[in-house]
Every structure is written in structure tokens, then in C-alpha cells.
Amino acid sequence: MSTTAPRLLQVRRSERVTPRMIRVTLGGDELAGFPGDGPDRRIKMFFPVPGQERPAVPRAASGGPVWPTGEARPAIRTYTVRRFDAGAGELDVDFVLHGDGPAAAWAAEAQPGAWVGVSEPGGRYDPDAGADFHVVIGDETALPAVATVLDALPPGVPALVFVEVADAAEEQALPGIVTWVHRGDRAAGAPLAEAVRAAEFPPGRGQAWLSGESACVKDLRKHLLDDRGIDRRAVYATGYWRAR
């Protein structure tokens, strides 16, 4: 957890991006100075539990975070900054509406004025301007990060982009040419792995970013290293969730 105390922000508005994804726009005085620019900026979000108007958040201390006494701990989940606009004082976070988890439930019901805690962002991905090509792989849970990664890629360099979603209704406008893979009734990650394995990669030195279902990410990371010959230092892989 960050050594800086989480910021308490409020919902300004929300919109349905696709049938299964909602975008929540946050703002507030504590958003001032937020270092939210850059690709794949990950934040921890602190969601209030039943009976709380605001989530309990820890204060920063030299010995680590200190939680308020006598208050229930919030549900904490990791998300990606979809958009940060310092001038407007706005932070967008996209939520996939699946299952009955606390984050998706909060996002589905959040009204303007609702409170949530947000940590300082982290992230280590830095596009290599010297790479001959880039590979970007993800599923719907990774779409917010995929969008920020694509925005950060150097212009004029080939980029292979593969995104798995439930169906055509879940596709979003992204820069460049995207290979959309529709999962349908198949197991999560299986169609995505097939599409990547079947693709023709450009020659030269590549850099790859991939996130999504953990087993699929692990399998594709091995494929990129062993079969495609991409240097392990140039592969950024993160499992976001696990299929049951």
C-alpha cells in the first residue's frame, strides 16, 4: 500500500460504456496533485461497507498505514485509471459489471455524491521507443489499461492488439487496429490465446503488455517468451482475475 494516505473522492457522474461496463467519474478537493498521467496507472479503491457513507481509510505513518479505531475496514480492489484530467479535476474509472463483488455492486448503484477512497497510482510499464513492434493483449477487465497503453505507444511502430470480450456489443473504440475476439460460451481466455498463437508477428525486437484472466496470462507469457522469442525484460504480464 502507498505510504501516502488514500484520497476521499466523490462521484460526479456515471455512464454505461457498453452493456457490461460502466464508467464512473470522480472528483473532489483531494484530487488536487494526483499523479494520474501515464499508461497502466493502477490504483487501489476503498469502497464503503453497508452502514458507511464514507469508507474508512488509513492515514499514512512512518510504521505503515494506521486504520481508524472502531470502524469497519472497507472492501479494497485494484483498478486502472481510464482518464485523468487535472484541469477539469476529474478521474474516470471503468468497472466491468459481472458477478456480485463489492466494487461492481458499488459502481452499478453509485449516485453523484457517493464517496470512495483512491490510493496513489502505481505502474511500471514504459513503452520502449526502440522496439520494432509492440504486442498488447487483454480482456474486458484490462480494457481501461489497454486504452492507456495504446495511447502511449510510439507512432509509426507496428502494434498487434488482441482483446477478448463477451460479444460484439462489448467492443469499444480504441486507437489503431484491434483484433477483437468474442468469447461467447467458451472458457475465458481460450479464444484469446488461440488468436495470439495464430497471429503472424513482425520481425525484430518486440515489447509486450498483457493482462486479464490469470491462467491465460501465464500461458501467453510463456508463449511470448518461448515461442516468439521476446526478451523476458520486455514482457509486462499481470493476472487480474481467476476463472472459477
Protein backbone atom coordinates (compact mmCIF):
# COMPACT_ATOMS: atom_id res chain seq x y z
CA MET A 1 0.00 0.00 0.00
CA SER A 2 1.15 3.54 -0.74
CA THR A 3 2.89 5.48 2.00
CA THR A 4 0.51 8.35 1.16
CA ALA A 5 -2.97 8.30 2.64
CA PRO A 6 -5.76 7.48 0.18
CA ARG A 7 -7.79 10.38 -1.17
CA LEU A 8 -11.52 10.56 -0.46
CA LEU A 9 -13.35 11.43 -3.67
CA GLN A 10 -16.97 11.72 -4.72
CA VAL A 11 -18.88 10.53 -7.76
CA ARG A 12 -19.65 13.28 -10.24
CA ARG A 13 -21.46 11.15 -12.81
CA SER A 14 -21.55 7.71 -14.38
CA GLU A 15 -22.34 6.35 -17.82
CA ARG A 16 -22.84 2.95 -19.37
CA VAL A 17 -20.00 2.44 -21.86
CA THR A 18 -21.20 -0.98 -23.04
CA PRO A 19 -23.90 -3.30 -21.71
CA ARG A 20 -21.38 -4.79 -19.25
CA MET A 21 -19.18 -1.80 -18.43
CA ILE A 22 -19.88 1.42 -16.54
CA ARG A 23 -17.62 4.46 -16.31
CA VAL A 24 -17.62 6.38 -13.03
CA THR A 25 -16.22 9.92 -12.97
CA LEU A 26 -14.79 11.06 -9.64
CA GLY A 27 -13.80 14.47 -8.34
CA GLY A 28 -13.20 16.44 -5.19
CA ASP A 29 -10.75 18.73 -3.45
CA GLU A 30 -8.44 15.84 -2.58
CA LEU A 31 -7.86 15.07 -6.26
CA ALA A 32 -5.52 18.08 -6.47
CA GLY A 33 -1.96 16.99 -7.25
CA PHE A 34 -2.98 13.46 -8.19
CA PRO A 35 -0.19 11.89 -10.33
CA GLY A 36 -2.55 10.11 -12.69
CA ASP A 37 -0.91 10.62 -16.09
CA GLY A 38 0.74 7.76 -17.96
CA PRO A 39 -0.11 4.28 -19.22
CA ASP A 40 -1.40 1.47 -16.99
CA ARG A 41 -1.69 3.56 -13.84
CA ARG A 42 -3.12 1.24 -11.18
CA ILE A 43 -4.93 2.42 -8.09
CA LYS A 44 -6.43 0.75 -5.05
CA MET A 45 -10.01 1.75 -4.39
CA PHE A 46 -11.63 1.69 -0.95
CA PHE A 47 -15.37 1.01 -1.03
CA PRO A 48 -17.68 1.74 1.91
CA VAL A 49 -19.28 -1.24 3.61
CA PRO A 50 -23.01 -1.29 4.48
CA GLY A 51 -23.79 1.37 7.04
CA GLN A 52 -20.95 3.68 5.97
CA GLU A 53 -21.38 6.88 3.98
CA ARG A 54 -17.62 7.22 3.51
CA PRO A 55 -15.17 4.33 3.55
CA ALA A 56 -12.69 4.14 6.41
CA VAL A 57 -9.24 4.86 5.00
CA PRO A 58 -5.87 4.63 6.76
CA ARG A 59 -3.64 7.57 7.48
CA ALA A 60 -0.01 7.38 6.46
CA ALA A 61 2.55 6.84 9.21
CA SER A 62 6.26 6.00 9.34
CA GLY A 63 5.49 2.49 10.55
CA GLY A 64 2.88 1.85 7.90
CA PRO A 65 -0.79 2.71 7.41
CA VAL A 66 -2.86 3.29 10.54
CA TRP A 67 -6.55 2.46 10.34
CA PRO A 68 -9.17 4.40 12.30
CA THR A 69 -10.20 2.67 15.51
CA GLY A 70 -13.66 1.20 15.74
CA GLU A 71 -14.58 1.49 12.06
CA ALA A 72 -15.17 -1.42 9.70
CA ARG A 73 -12.49 -1.87 7.08
CA PRO A 74 -13.56 -1.16 3.50
CA ALA A 75 -13.52 -3.56 0.58
CA ILE A 76 -10.32 -2.85 -1.37
CA ARG A 77 -9.87 -3.65 -5.06
CA THR A 78 -7.31 -2.70 -7.72
CA TYR A 79 -8.40 -0.75 -10.80
CA THR A 80 -6.78 1.24 -13.60
CA VAL A 81 -7.07 4.96 -14.23
CA ARG A 82 -9.00 5.23 -17.50
CA ARG A 83 -8.70 9.01 -17.76
CA PHE A 84 -7.29 11.75 -15.56
CA ASP A 85 -7.96 15.40 -16.37
CA ALA A 86 -6.15 17.67 -13.94
CA GLY A 87 -7.70 20.79 -15.45
CA ALA A 88 -11.26 19.53 -15.02
CA GLY A 89 -10.43 17.84 -11.73
CA GLU A 90 -11.82 14.52 -12.93
CA LEU A 91 -10.77 10.88 -12.68
CA ASP A 92 -12.51 8.15 -14.71
CA VAL A 93 -12.56 4.51 -13.64
CA ASP A 94 -14.25 1.76 -15.70
CA PHE A 95 -15.96 -1.18 -13.97
CA VAL A 96 -16.93 -4.48 -15.57
CA LEU A 97 -20.37 -5.42 -14.27
CA HIS A 98 -20.07 -9.13 -13.68
CA GLY A 99 -20.56 -11.25 -10.60
CA ASP A 100 -21.61 -9.85 -7.24
CA GLY A 101 -18.35 -8.33 -6.00
CA PRO A 102 -18.38 -5.19 -3.85
CA ALA A 103 -16.71 -2.97 -6.48
CA ALA A 104 -19.10 -3.80 -9.32
CA ALA A 105 -22.09 -3.54 -6.97
CA TRP A 106 -20.92 -0.12 -5.79
CA ALA A 107 -20.35 1.13 -9.35
CA ALA A 108 -23.74 -0.08 -10.52
CA GLU A 109 -25.53 1.82 -7.76
CA ALA A 110 -23.24 4.83 -7.25
CA GLN A 111 -25.05 8.17 -7.44
CA PRO A 112 -23.47 11.65 -7.64
CA GLY A 113 -22.03 12.49 -4.25
CA ALA A 114 -21.19 8.90 -3.28
CA TRP A 115 -17.81 8.56 -1.56
CA VAL A 116 -14.89 6.26 -2.39
CA GLY A 117 -11.21 6.17 -1.43
CA VAL A 118 -8.44 6.16 -4.06
CA SER A 119 -4.74 5.45 -3.47
CA GLU A 120 -1.78 6.99 -5.23
CA PRO A 121 -1.31 5.28 -8.61
CA GLY A 122 1.45 2.83 -9.35
CA GLY A 123 2.63 1.16 -12.54
CA ARG A 124 5.91 0.16 -14.10
CA TYR A 125 5.07 -0.14 -17.81
CA ASP A 126 7.08 2.19 -20.03
CA PRO A 127 6.82 1.81 -23.82
CA ASP A 128 10.18 1.12 -25.45
CA ALA A 129 10.62 3.64 -28.23
CA GLY A 130 13.33 1.44 -29.74
CA ALA A 131 11.19 -1.70 -30.10
CA ASP A 132 10.47 -2.86 -33.66
CA PHE A 133 6.91 -3.78 -32.75
CA HIS A 134 4.52 -3.88 -29.79
CA VAL A 135 2.03 -6.52 -28.66
CA VAL A 136 -0.93 -5.58 -26.45
CA ILE A 137 -3.20 -8.34 -25.11
CA GLY A 138 -6.13 -8.22 -22.71
CA ASP A 139 -9.76 -8.99 -21.93
CA GLU A 140 -12.61 -6.70 -20.86
CA THR A 141 -11.16 -6.29 -17.36
CA ALA A 142 -7.98 -4.94 -18.97
CA LEU A 143 -9.70 -2.64 -21.46
CA PRO A 144 -9.14 0.58 -19.47
CA ALA A 145 -5.43 -0.20 -19.21
CA VAL A 146 -5.26 -1.33 -22.86
CA ALA A 147 -6.61 2.06 -23.94
CA THR A 148 -3.97 3.96 -21.96
CA VAL A 149 -1.19 1.68 -23.22
CA LEU A 150 -2.24 2.22 -26.85
CA ASP A 151 -2.31 5.98 -26.33
CA ALA A 152 1.30 5.82 -25.08
CA LEU A 153 2.80 3.71 -27.90
CA PRO A 154 5.23 5.50 -30.23
CA PRO A 155 3.62 6.46 -33.55
CA GLY A 156 4.60 4.64 -36.70
CA VAL A 157 5.65 1.41 -34.93
CA PRO A 158 3.61 -1.74 -35.68
CA ALA A 159 1.27 -2.76 -32.87
CA LEU A 160 -0.58 -6.06 -32.64
CA VAL A 161 -3.60 -5.69 -30.35
CA PHE A 162 -5.79 -8.58 -29.20
CA VAL A 163 -8.79 -8.08 -26.91
CA GLU A 164 -11.25 -10.74 -25.77
CA VAL A 165 -14.79 -9.66 -24.83
CA ALA A 166 -18.08 -11.47 -24.37
CA ASP A 167 -19.59 -10.40 -27.70
CA ALA A 168 -19.64 -7.61 -30.29
CA ALA A 169 -21.67 -5.32 -28.01
CA GLU A 170 -18.67 -5.10 -25.65
CA GLU A 171 -16.27 -3.71 -28.25
CA GLN A 172 -15.04 -0.14 -27.65
CA ALA A 173 -13.40 2.49 -29.80
CA LEU A 174 -9.63 2.14 -29.44
CA PRO A 175 -6.76 3.67 -31.41
CA GLY A 176 -5.17 1.56 -34.11
CA ILE A 177 -6.23 -1.79 -35.49
CA VAL A 178 -7.61 -4.18 -32.88
CA THR A 179 -8.29 -7.89 -33.26
CA TRP A 180 -11.49 -8.38 -31.27
CA VAL A 181 -12.11 -11.91 -30.03
CA HIS A 182 -15.63 -12.86 -28.94
CA ARG A 183 -15.75 -15.37 -26.10
CA GLY A 184 -19.38 -16.43 -26.37
CA ASP A 185 -19.92 -19.60 -24.34
CA ARG A 186 -16.25 -20.63 -24.32
CA ALA A 187 -13.96 -20.59 -21.31
CA ALA A 188 -12.44 -17.22 -20.52
CA GLY A 189 -9.05 -16.77 -22.19
CA ALA A 190 -9.27 -19.72 -24.58
CA PRO A 191 -10.28 -17.73 -27.70
CA LEU A 192 -7.75 -15.01 -26.84
CA ALA A 193 -4.89 -17.50 -26.56
CA GLU A 194 -5.85 -19.07 -29.88
CA ALA A 195 -5.90 -15.71 -31.65
CA VAL A 196 -2.46 -14.71 -30.35
CA ARG A 197 -0.90 -18.07 -31.20
CA ALA A 198 -2.32 -17.94 -34.74
CA ALA A 199 -1.10 -14.40 -35.46
CA GLU A 200 1.92 -13.51 -37.56
CA PHE A 201 4.33 -11.27 -35.68
CA PRO A 202 6.63 -8.75 -37.40
CA PRO A 203 10.36 -9.43 -37.41
CA GLY A 204 12.70 -7.74 -34.97
CA ARG A 205 12.68 -6.95 -31.27
CA GLY A 206 9.25 -6.77 -29.70
CA GLN A 207 7.77 -5.48 -26.45
CA ALA A 208 4.59 -6.96 -24.99
CA TRP A 209 1.97 -5.90 -22.44
CA LEU A 210 -0.72 -8.35 -21.37
CA SER A 211 -3.32 -8.56 -18.62
CA GLY A 212 -6.53 -10.44 -17.95
CA GLU A 213 -7.51 -13.86 -16.63
CA SER A 214 -4.54 -15.25 -14.70
CA ALA A 215 -4.21 -18.68 -16.32
CA CYS A 216 -4.48 -17.18 -19.80
CA VAL A 217 -1.89 -14.51 -19.00
CA LYS A 218 0.51 -17.12 -17.64
CA ASP A 219 0.07 -19.29 -20.74
CA LEU A 220 0.53 -16.40 -23.18
CA ARG A 221 3.54 -15.04 -21.32
CA LYS A 222 5.24 -18.43 -21.77
CA HIS A 223 4.25 -18.40 -25.44
CA LEU A 224 5.72 -14.95 -25.99
CA LEU A 225 8.97 -15.91 -24.28
CA ASP A 226 9.47 -19.45 -25.56
CA ASP A 227 7.80 -19.45 -28.97
CA ARG A 228 8.07 -15.83 -30.06
CA GLY A 229 11.46 -15.13 -28.54
CA ILE A 230 10.57 -11.85 -26.87
CA ASP A 231 13.02 -10.93 -24.12
CA ARG A 232 11.52 -11.52 -20.66
CA ARG A 233 12.50 -7.97 -19.67
CA ALA A 234 10.23 -6.71 -22.45
CA VAL A 235 7.12 -8.66 -21.37
CA TYR A 236 4.83 -6.99 -18.82
CA ALA A 237 2.25 -9.54 -17.68
CA THR A 238 -0.37 -9.21 -14.92
CA GLY A 239 -3.16 -11.58 -13.97
CA TYR A 240 -6.21 -9.52 -12.98
CA TRP A 241 -8.60 -12.29 -12.01
CA ARG A 242 -9.10 -16.07 -11.91
CA ALA A 243 -11.80 -18.03 -13.70
CA ARG A 244 -13.70 -20.37 -11.40
